[in-house]
Amino acid sequence: MLYNYLLQLGDNALILGHRLGEWCGHAPELEIDMALTNIALDLTGQARSLYQHAAEIEGKGRTEDDIAYLRDAWEFKNVLLAEQPNGDFAHTIARQFFYDTFNFFLHRELVGSRDEWLAGFAAKSLKEITYHLRFSSEWVLRLGDGTDTSHEKMQAAVEELWMYTGELKIPSKTDQEMAANGVGPDLNLLKASFDEKVADVLQKANLQMPSTTWMQGGGKDGVHSEHLGFILADMQYLQRAYPGQEW
C-alpha cells in the first residue's frame, strides 16, 4: 500500500508540474514565467524522488521513467484539481493556491511519518512547498485586491475550481491505511487548517468564499477527466513511440 501512496503523491506533483510547464514562454511577465517554471521543476523533482522510491519498493526492476511514461490514465492517482487546464492566469493561480495550501499542511504532517524515508523527503520538500504557497497566496491577494478586472477574474477562478478541493481532503483507502499505520496523516484533521488558510487569504484579497458544497472526486481511484488523457498523450509520446531509448 505504501507503493500506491507514493504514486498518489508523485502523480499529483508530476501532473501539476506538467501543467505549470505549459506556461513556459507564455506567462504575463518574464519574472512570472521564471517563477512558474521553477515551481514546475520543483514538482517534477519531487515526483522523480517519489517514483524512484516507489520503484525500489515494488522490486520489479522498473524505473522512474517506466512509472511516469508507461502507465495509462486509469493507473494515475492524482487528484482532479492537478489536471485541470491552465485557463487564464487567475485560474492557474487559484488552482495552485488550493493545491499549495493542502500540500503545505500535508507535508508538514508527513515530517513526523513513521516511515523514515518519507519523513526525510517531506522535510526536504517542505522548504520548496513553503515558497510555492507564499507565491500563490501573494498572487491571489494581488489579483483579488487589484483592478476590477483582476478581481472579477480571480473570483471566477475561485468559484470554478472550488469543487475540486474536496478531493484533497477526503481520504482514499490508501490515505486511510497510511494514517492507520502512522505513515501518513489523517486528512480529516487537515481540513480545518486548509479551510482556515483559504478563508484568511480570500478575505484579505476581498474575495468571497464559494458557497458550493458539492465536490468532484475520483482521481485518487483512477477516475479522471478527459484532460489527463491529453496531458499523457503529450508527455508520453516519445517514450511510447521509441521505447527503451536512452538520450
C-alpha atoms as a PDB file:
ATOM      1  CA  MET A   1       0.000   0.000   0.000  1.00  0.00           C
ATOM      2  CA  LEU A   2       2.964   2.343   0.560  1.00  0.00           C
ATOM      3  CA  TYR A   3       3.713   1.937  -3.145  1.00  0.00           C
ATOM      4  CA  ASN A   4       0.252   3.294  -4.003  1.00  0.00           C
ATOM      5  CA  TYR A   5       0.687   6.167  -1.555  1.00  0.00           C
ATOM      6  CA  LEU A   6       3.970   7.175  -3.174  1.00  0.00           C
ATOM      7  CA  LEU A   7       2.281   7.070  -6.565  1.00  0.00           C
ATOM      8  CA  GLN A   8      -0.549   9.228  -5.267  1.00  0.00           C
ATOM      9  CA  LEU A   9       1.901  11.875  -4.070  1.00  0.00           C
ATOM     10  CA  GLY A  10       4.120  11.567  -7.132  1.00  0.00           C
ATOM     11  CA  ASP A  11       1.273  11.753  -9.634  1.00  0.00           C
ATOM     12  CA  ASN A  12      -0.004  14.976  -8.077  1.00  0.00           C
ATOM     13  CA  ALA A  13       3.434  16.536  -8.416  1.00  0.00           C
ATOM     14  CA  LEU A  14       4.091  15.258 -11.930  1.00  0.00           C
ATOM     15  CA  ILE A  15       0.767  16.256 -13.477  1.00  0.00           C
ATOM     16  CA  LEU A  16       0.619  19.687 -11.870  1.00  0.00           C
ATOM     17  CA  GLY A  17       4.269  20.249 -12.760  1.00  0.00           C
ATOM     18  CA  HIS A  18       3.454  19.441 -16.371  1.00  0.00           C
ATOM     19  CA  ARG A  19       0.563  21.888 -16.335  1.00  0.00           C
ATOM     20  CA  LEU A  20       2.760  24.683 -14.978  1.00  0.00           C
ATOM     21  CA  GLY A  21       5.421  23.843 -17.555  1.00  0.00           C
ATOM     22  CA  GLU A  22       2.905  24.745 -20.260  1.00  0.00           C
ATOM     23  CA  TRP A  23       3.270  28.389 -19.158  1.00  0.00           C
ATOM     24  CA  CYS A  24       6.957  28.464 -20.106  1.00  0.00           C
ATOM     25  CA  GLY A  25       7.318  31.265 -22.657  1.00  0.00           C
ATOM     26  CA  HIS A  26       3.668  32.294 -22.308  1.00  0.00           C
ATOM     27  CA  ALA A  27       3.336  33.853 -18.853  1.00  0.00           C
ATOM     28  CA  PRO A  28       2.266  37.519 -18.485  1.00  0.00           C
ATOM     29  CA  GLU A  29       5.735  38.672 -17.399  1.00  0.00           C
ATOM     30  CA  LEU A  30       9.256  37.254 -17.569  1.00  0.00           C
ATOM     31  CA  GLU A  31       9.533  37.095 -13.778  1.00  0.00           C
ATOM     32  CA  ILE A  32       6.268  35.149 -13.525  1.00  0.00           C
ATOM     33  CA  ASP A  33       7.373  32.894 -16.371  1.00  0.00           C
ATOM     34  CA  MET A  34      10.546  32.010 -14.472  1.00  0.00           C
ATOM     35  CA  ALA A  35       8.692  31.529 -11.171  1.00  0.00           C
ATOM     36  CA  LEU A  36       6.095  29.167 -12.647  1.00  0.00           C
ATOM     37  CA  THR A  37       8.793  27.219 -14.478  1.00  0.00           C
ATOM     38  CA  ASN A  38      10.847  26.876 -11.302  1.00  0.00           C
ATOM     39  CA  ILE A  39       7.816  25.620  -9.383  1.00  0.00           C
ATOM     40  CA  ALA A  40       7.192  23.127 -12.187  1.00  0.00           C
ATOM     41  CA  LEU A  41      10.781  21.923 -11.856  1.00  0.00           C
ATOM     42  CA  ASP A  42      10.399  21.598  -8.081  1.00  0.00           C
ATOM     43  CA  LEU A  43       7.279  19.469  -8.512  1.00  0.00           C
ATOM     44  CA  THR A  44       8.887  17.319 -11.201  1.00  0.00           C
ATOM     45  CA  GLY A  45      11.890  16.778  -8.951  1.00  0.00           C
ATOM     46  CA  GLN A  46       9.597  15.684  -6.129  1.00  0.00           C
ATOM     47  CA  ALA A  47       7.829  13.306  -8.489  1.00  0.00           C
ATOM     48  CA  ARG A  48      11.152  11.777  -9.549  1.00  0.00           C
ATOM     49  CA  SER A  49      12.158  11.077  -5.948  1.00  0.00           C
ATOM     50  CA  LEU A  50       8.792   9.530  -5.136  1.00  0.00           C
ATOM     51  CA  TYR A  51       8.799   7.379  -8.282  1.00  0.00           C
ATOM     52  CA  GLN A  52      12.354   6.205  -7.670  1.00  0.00           C
ATOM     53  CA  HIS A  53      11.467   5.078  -4.163  1.00  0.00           C
ATOM     54  CA  ALA A  54       8.222   3.506  -5.384  1.00  0.00           C
ATOM     55  CA  ALA A  55      10.166   1.510  -7.985  1.00  0.00           C
ATOM     56  CA  GLU A  56      12.556   0.261  -5.296  1.00  0.00           C
ATOM     57  CA  ILE A  57       9.668  -0.827  -3.077  1.00  0.00           C
ATOM     58  CA  GLU A  58       7.898  -2.552  -5.974  1.00  0.00           C
ATOM     59  CA  GLY A  59      11.020  -4.597  -6.726  1.00  0.00           C
ATOM     60  CA  LYS A  60      10.123  -5.408 -10.325  1.00  0.00           C
ATOM     61  CA  GLY A  61      13.088  -3.713 -11.966  1.00  0.00           C
ATOM     62  CA  ARG A  62      11.116  -0.718 -13.153  1.00  0.00           C
ATOM     63  CA  THR A  63      12.497   2.822 -13.169  1.00  0.00           C
ATOM     64  CA  GLU A  64      11.041   6.255 -12.503  1.00  0.00           C
ATOM     65  CA  ASP A  65      10.661   6.675 -16.274  1.00  0.00           C
ATOM     66  CA  ASP A  66       8.643   3.455 -16.566  1.00  0.00           C
ATOM     67  CA  ILE A  67       6.270   4.669 -13.867  1.00  0.00           C
ATOM     68  CA  ALA A  68       5.878   8.123 -15.419  1.00  0.00           C
ATOM     69  CA  TYR A  69       5.687   7.189 -19.077  1.00  0.00           C
ATOM     70  CA  LEU A  70       4.321   3.668 -19.319  1.00  0.00           C
ATOM     71  CA  ARG A  71       1.122   3.861 -17.274  1.00  0.00           C
ATOM     72  CA  ASP A  72      -2.313   4.584 -18.703  1.00  0.00           C
ATOM     73  CA  ALA A  73      -4.668   7.256 -17.390  1.00  0.00           C
ATOM     74  CA  TRP A  74      -6.665   4.907 -15.142  1.00  0.00           C
ATOM     75  CA  GLU A  75      -3.419   3.924 -13.362  1.00  0.00           C
ATOM     76  CA  PHE A  76      -2.707   7.510 -12.301  1.00  0.00           C
ATOM     77  CA  LYS A  77      -3.822   8.531  -8.811  1.00  0.00           C
ATOM     78  CA  ASN A  78      -3.557  12.317  -8.924  1.00  0.00           C
ATOM     79  CA  VAL A  79      -6.417  14.493  -7.733  1.00  0.00           C
ATOM     80  CA  LEU A  80      -8.611  16.038 -10.423  1.00  0.00           C
ATOM     81  CA  LEU A  81      -7.516  19.550  -9.441  1.00  0.00           C
ATOM     82  CA  ALA A  82      -3.975  18.913 -10.669  1.00  0.00           C
ATOM     83  CA  GLU A  83      -5.066  18.071 -14.221  1.00  0.00           C
ATOM     84  CA  GLN A  84      -7.413  20.992 -14.770  1.00  0.00           C
ATOM     85  CA  PRO A  85      -6.429  23.279 -17.696  1.00  0.00           C
ATOM     86  CA  ASN A  86      -4.403  26.401 -17.023  1.00  0.00           C
ATOM     87  CA  GLY A  87      -7.125  28.731 -18.306  1.00  0.00           C
ATOM     88  CA  ASP A  88      -6.163  32.349 -17.753  1.00  0.00           C
ATOM     89  CA  PHE A  89      -3.535  33.424 -15.224  1.00  0.00           C
ATOM     90  CA  ALA A  90      -6.145  33.787 -12.474  1.00  0.00           C
ATOM     91  CA  HIS A  91      -7.266  30.174 -12.970  1.00  0.00           C
ATOM     92  CA  THR A  92      -3.682  28.939 -12.772  1.00  0.00           C
ATOM     93  CA  ILE A  93      -3.127  30.891  -9.553  1.00  0.00           C
ATOM     94  CA  ALA A  94      -6.377  29.672  -7.973  1.00  0.00           C
ATOM     95  CA  ARG A  95      -5.520  26.050  -8.833  1.00  0.00           C
ATOM     96  CA  GLN A  96      -2.010  26.492  -7.478  1.00  0.00           C
ATOM     97  CA  PHE A  97      -3.172  28.220  -4.295  1.00  0.00           C
ATOM     98  CA  PHE A  98      -5.661  25.487  -3.446  1.00  0.00           C
ATOM     99  CA  TYR A  99      -3.104  22.766  -4.124  1.00  0.00           C
ATOM    100  CA  ASP A 100      -0.244  24.543  -2.331  1.00  0.00           C
ATOM    101  CA  THR A 101      -2.348  25.113   0.771  1.00  0.00           C
ATOM    102  CA  PHE A 102      -3.222  21.437   1.043  1.00  0.00           C
ATOM    103  CA  ASN A 103       0.290  20.321   0.097  1.00  0.00           C
ATOM    104  CA  PHE A 104       1.859  22.509   2.762  1.00  0.00           C
ATOM    105  CA  PHE A 105      -0.223  21.085   5.609  1.00  0.00           C
ATOM    106  CA  LEU A 106       0.152  17.553   4.241  1.00  0.00           C
ATOM    107  CA  HIS A 107       3.954  17.673   4.128  1.00  0.00           C
ATOM    108  CA  ARG A 108       4.156  19.433   7.468  1.00  0.00           C
ATOM    109  CA  GLU A 109       2.483  16.370   8.956  1.00  0.00           C
ATOM    110  CA  LEU A 110       4.499  13.912   6.859  1.00  0.00           C
ATOM    111  CA  VAL A 111       7.667  15.181   8.534  1.00  0.00           C
ATOM    112  CA  GLY A 112       6.516  13.130  11.522  1.00  0.00           C
ATOM    113  CA  SER A 113       5.853   9.972   9.496  1.00  0.00           C
ATOM    114  CA  ARG A 114       6.919   6.610  10.907  1.00  0.00           C
ATOM    115  CA  ASP A 115       8.466   5.904   7.525  1.00  0.00           C
ATOM    116  CA  GLU A 116      11.962   7.401   7.748  1.00  0.00           C
ATOM    117  CA  TRP A 117      12.363   7.881   4.006  1.00  0.00           C
ATOM    118  CA  LEU A 118       9.026   9.659   3.657  1.00  0.00           C
ATOM    119  CA  ALA A 119       9.723  11.855   6.686  1.00  0.00           C
ATOM    120  CA  GLY A 120      13.061  12.907   5.212  1.00  0.00           C
ATOM    121  CA  PHE A 121      11.532  13.549   1.820  1.00  0.00           C
ATOM    122  CA  ALA A 122       8.797  15.700   3.387  1.00  0.00           C
ATOM    123  CA  ALA A 123      11.300  17.746   5.404  1.00  0.00           C
ATOM    124  CA  LYS A 124      13.329  18.492   2.294  1.00  0.00           C
ATOM    125  CA  SER A 125      10.315  19.209   0.087  1.00  0.00           C
ATOM    126  CA  LEU A 126       8.636  21.426   2.674  1.00  0.00           C
ATOM    127  CA  LYS A 127      11.187  24.160   2.017  1.00  0.00           C
ATOM    128  CA  GLU A 128      10.097  24.332  -1.626  1.00  0.00           C
ATOM    129  CA  ILE A 129       6.415  23.919  -0.837  1.00  0.00           C
ATOM    130  CA  THR A 130       6.513  26.811   1.644  1.00  0.00           C
ATOM    131  CA  TYR A 131       7.765  29.067  -1.147  1.00  0.00           C
ATOM    132  CA  HIS A 132       5.093  27.740  -3.515  1.00  0.00           C
ATOM    133  CA  LEU A 133       2.352  28.650  -1.045  1.00  0.00           C
ATOM    134  CA  ARG A 134       3.793  32.095  -0.441  1.00  0.00           C
ATOM    135  CA  PHE A 135       3.965  32.759  -4.186  1.00  0.00           C
ATOM    136  CA  SER A 136       0.405  31.642  -4.949  1.00  0.00           C
ATOM    137  CA  SER A 137      -1.038  33.364  -1.863  1.00  0.00           C
ATOM    138  CA  GLU A 138       0.568  36.673  -2.777  1.00  0.00           C
ATOM    139  CA  TRP A 139      -0.834  36.492  -6.290  1.00  0.00           C
ATOM    140  CA  VAL A 140      -4.329  35.714  -5.001  1.00  0.00           C
ATOM    141  CA  LEU A 141      -4.013  38.901  -2.932  1.00  0.00           C
ATOM    142  CA  ARG A 142      -2.705  40.962  -5.847  1.00  0.00           C
ATOM    143  CA  LEU A 143      -5.366  39.856  -8.266  1.00  0.00           C
ATOM    144  CA  GLY A 144      -8.240  39.827  -5.813  1.00  0.00           C
ATOM    145  CA  ASP A 145      -7.432  43.241  -4.395  1.00  0.00           C
ATOM    146  CA  GLY A 146      -6.267  44.718  -7.697  1.00  0.00           C
ATOM    147  CA  THR A 147      -8.283  46.162 -10.553  1.00  0.00           C
ATOM    148  CA  ASP A 148     -11.953  45.464 -11.141  1.00  0.00           C
ATOM    149  CA  THR A 149     -10.983  43.145 -13.976  1.00  0.00           C
ATOM    150  CA  SER A 150      -8.408  41.181 -11.989  1.00  0.00           C
ATOM    151  CA  HIS A 151     -10.828  40.884  -9.065  1.00  0.00           C
ATOM    152  CA  GLU A 152     -13.576  39.584 -11.328  1.00  0.00           C
ATOM    153  CA  LYS A 153     -11.275  37.018 -12.957  1.00  0.00           C
ATOM    154  CA  MET A 154      -9.871  35.839  -9.635  1.00  0.00           C
ATOM    155  CA  GLN A 155     -13.328  35.436  -8.111  1.00  0.00           C
ATOM    156  CA  ALA A 156     -14.496  33.491 -11.163  1.00  0.00           C
ATOM    157  CA  ALA A 157     -11.481  31.184 -10.953  1.00  0.00           C
ATOM    158  CA  VAL A 158     -12.024  30.521  -7.241  1.00  0.00           C
ATOM    159  CA  GLU A 159     -15.687  29.725  -7.856  1.00  0.00           C
ATOM    160  CA  GLU A 160     -14.968  27.407 -10.787  1.00  0.00           C
ATOM    161  CA  LEU A 161     -12.190  25.388  -9.151  1.00  0.00           C
ATOM    162  CA  TRP A 162     -13.611  25.145  -5.639  1.00  0.00           C
ATOM    163  CA  MET A 163     -15.495  21.938  -6.427  1.00  0.00           C
ATOM    164  CA  TYR A 164     -12.161  20.160  -6.933  1.00  0.00           C
ATOM    165  CA  THR A 165     -10.837  21.000  -3.454  1.00  0.00           C
ATOM    166  CA  GLY A 166     -12.964  18.443  -1.613  1.00  0.00           C
ATOM    167  CA  GLU A 167     -10.989  15.537  -3.038  1.00  0.00           C
ATOM    168  CA  LEU A 168      -7.806  16.923  -1.496  1.00  0.00           C
ATOM    169  CA  LYS A 169      -9.227  16.432   1.996  1.00  0.00           C
ATOM    170  CA  ILE A 170     -11.287  13.255   1.510  1.00  0.00           C
ATOM    171  CA  PRO A 171      -9.197  10.172   2.410  1.00  0.00           C
ATOM    172  CA  SER A 172      -8.888   7.412  -0.161  1.00  0.00           C
ATOM    173  CA  LYS A 173      -8.468   3.818   1.020  1.00  0.00           C
ATOM    174  CA  THR A 174      -4.741   4.313   0.662  1.00  0.00           C
ATOM    175  CA  ASP A 175      -4.851   7.505   2.745  1.00  0.00           C
ATOM    176  CA  GLN A 176      -6.826   5.693   5.444  1.00  0.00           C
ATOM    177  CA  GLU A 177      -4.402   2.787   5.646  1.00  0.00           C
ATOM    178  CA  MET A 178      -1.361   5.066   5.743  1.00  0.00           C
ATOM    179  CA  ALA A 179      -2.942   7.103   8.545  1.00  0.00           C
ATOM    180  CA  ALA A 180      -3.788   3.945  10.494  1.00  0.00           C
ATOM    181  CA  ASN A 181      -0.151   2.836  10.262  1.00  0.00           C
ATOM    182  CA  GLY A 182       1.275   6.227  11.193  1.00  0.00           C
ATOM    183  CA  VAL A 183       2.830   6.698   7.757  1.00  0.00           C
ATOM    184  CA  GLY A 184       0.534   9.470   6.529  1.00  0.00           C
ATOM    185  CA  PRO A 185      -1.689  11.992   8.308  1.00  0.00           C
ATOM    186  CA  ASP A 186      -5.430  11.740   8.840  1.00  0.00           C
ATOM    187  CA  LEU A 187      -6.738  14.030   6.103  1.00  0.00           C
ATOM    188  CA  ASN A 188      -9.839  14.760   8.137  1.00  0.00           C
ATOM    189  CA  LEU A 189      -7.589  16.539  10.615  1.00  0.00           C
ATOM    190  CA  LEU A 190      -6.076  18.710   7.868  1.00  0.00           C
ATOM    191  CA  LYS A 191      -9.450  20.014   6.728  1.00  0.00           C
ATOM    192  CA  ALA A 192      -9.729  22.719   9.394  1.00  0.00           C
ATOM    193  CA  SER A 193      -6.229  24.061   8.668  1.00  0.00           C
ATOM    194  CA  PHE A 194      -6.908  24.084   4.931  1.00  0.00           C
ATOM    195  CA  ASP A 195     -10.251  25.844   5.250  1.00  0.00           C
ATOM    196  CA  GLU A 196      -8.877  28.409   7.702  1.00  0.00           C
ATOM    197  CA  LYS A 197      -5.901  29.302   5.484  1.00  0.00           C
ATOM    198  CA  VAL A 198      -8.029  29.583   2.345  1.00  0.00           C
ATOM    199  CA  ALA A 199     -10.652  31.706   4.100  1.00  0.00           C
ATOM    200  CA  ASP A 200      -7.984  34.023   5.538  1.00  0.00           C
ATOM    201  CA  VAL A 201      -6.298  34.670   2.192  1.00  0.00           C
ATOM    202  CA  LEU A 202      -9.576  35.128   0.319  1.00  0.00           C
ATOM    203  CA  GLN A 203     -10.823  37.579   2.938  1.00  0.00           C
ATOM    204  CA  LYS A 204      -7.627  39.642   2.701  1.00  0.00           C
ATOM    205  CA  ALA A 205      -7.995  39.609  -1.092  1.00  0.00           C
ATOM    206  CA  ASN A 206     -11.598  40.864  -0.824  1.00  0.00           C
ATOM    207  CA  LEU A 207     -12.818  37.649  -2.425  1.00  0.00           C
ATOM    208  CA  GLN A 208     -15.889  35.674  -1.426  1.00  0.00           C
ATOM    209  CA  MET A 209     -15.646  32.088  -0.206  1.00  0.00           C
ATOM    210  CA  PRO A 210     -17.566  29.838  -2.617  1.00  0.00           C
ATOM    211  CA  SER A 211     -20.874  28.543  -1.344  1.00  0.00           C
ATOM    212  CA  THR A 212     -20.736  25.309  -3.362  1.00  0.00           C
ATOM    213  CA  THR A 213     -20.791  22.209  -1.177  1.00  0.00           C
ATOM    214  CA  TRP A 214     -20.907  19.570  -3.936  1.00  0.00           C
ATOM    215  CA  MET A 215     -17.444  18.259  -4.750  1.00  0.00           C
ATOM    216  CA  GLN A 216     -15.864  16.334  -7.603  1.00  0.00           C
ATOM    217  CA  GLY A 217     -13.811  13.244  -6.876  1.00  0.00           C
ATOM    218  CA  GLY A 218     -12.413  10.020  -8.286  1.00  0.00           C
ATOM    219  CA  GLY A 219      -8.881  10.954  -9.271  1.00  0.00           C
ATOM    220  CA  LYS A 220      -7.251   9.042  -6.420  1.00  0.00           C
ATOM    221  CA  ASP A 221      -9.092   5.937  -7.617  1.00  0.00           C
ATOM    222  CA  GLY A 222      -8.065   6.368 -11.251  1.00  0.00           C
ATOM    223  CA  VAL A 223     -11.270   8.028 -12.491  1.00  0.00           C
ATOM    224  CA  HIS A 224     -10.133  11.143 -14.329  1.00  0.00           C
ATOM    225  CA  SER A 225     -11.380  13.919 -16.561  1.00  0.00           C
ATOM    226  CA  GLU A 226     -10.642  13.927 -20.266  1.00  0.00           C
ATOM    227  CA  HIS A 227      -7.846  16.415 -19.594  1.00  0.00           C
ATOM    228  CA  LEU A 228      -5.466  13.796 -18.203  1.00  0.00           C
ATOM    229  CA  GLY A 229      -5.554  11.801 -21.438  1.00  0.00           C
ATOM    230  CA  PHE A 230      -4.352  14.807 -23.412  1.00  0.00           C
ATOM    231  CA  ILE A 231      -1.614  15.508 -20.875  1.00  0.00           C
ATOM    232  CA  LEU A 232      -0.340  11.936 -21.088  1.00  0.00           C
ATOM    233  CA  ALA A 233      -0.522  11.951 -24.880  1.00  0.00           C
ATOM    234  CA  ASP A 234       1.923  14.874 -24.918  1.00  0.00           C
ATOM    235  CA  MET A 235       4.095  13.700 -22.044  1.00  0.00           C
ATOM    236  CA  GLN A 236       4.418  10.043 -23.003  1.00  0.00           C
ATOM    237  CA  TYR A 237       4.636  10.295 -26.793  1.00  0.00           C
ATOM    238  CA  LEU A 238       8.404   9.885 -27.273  1.00  0.00           C
ATOM    239  CA  GLN A 239       8.807   7.070 -24.763  1.00  0.00           C
ATOM    240  CA  ARG A 240       5.929   5.104 -26.249  1.00  0.00           C
ATOM    241  CA  ALA A 241       6.875   5.806 -29.863  1.00  0.00           C
ATOM    242  CA  TYR A 242      10.530   4.864 -29.294  1.00  0.00           C
ATOM    243  CA  PRO A 243      10.502   2.518 -26.275  1.00  0.00           C
ATOM    244  CA  GLY A 244      13.707   1.839 -24.412  1.00  0.00           C
ATOM    245  CA  GLN A 245      15.687   4.683 -25.948  1.00  0.00           C
ATOM    246  CA  GLU A 246      18.411   6.410 -23.949  1.00  0.00           C
ATOM    247  CA  TRP A 247      19.397  10.012 -24.566  1.00  0.00           C
END
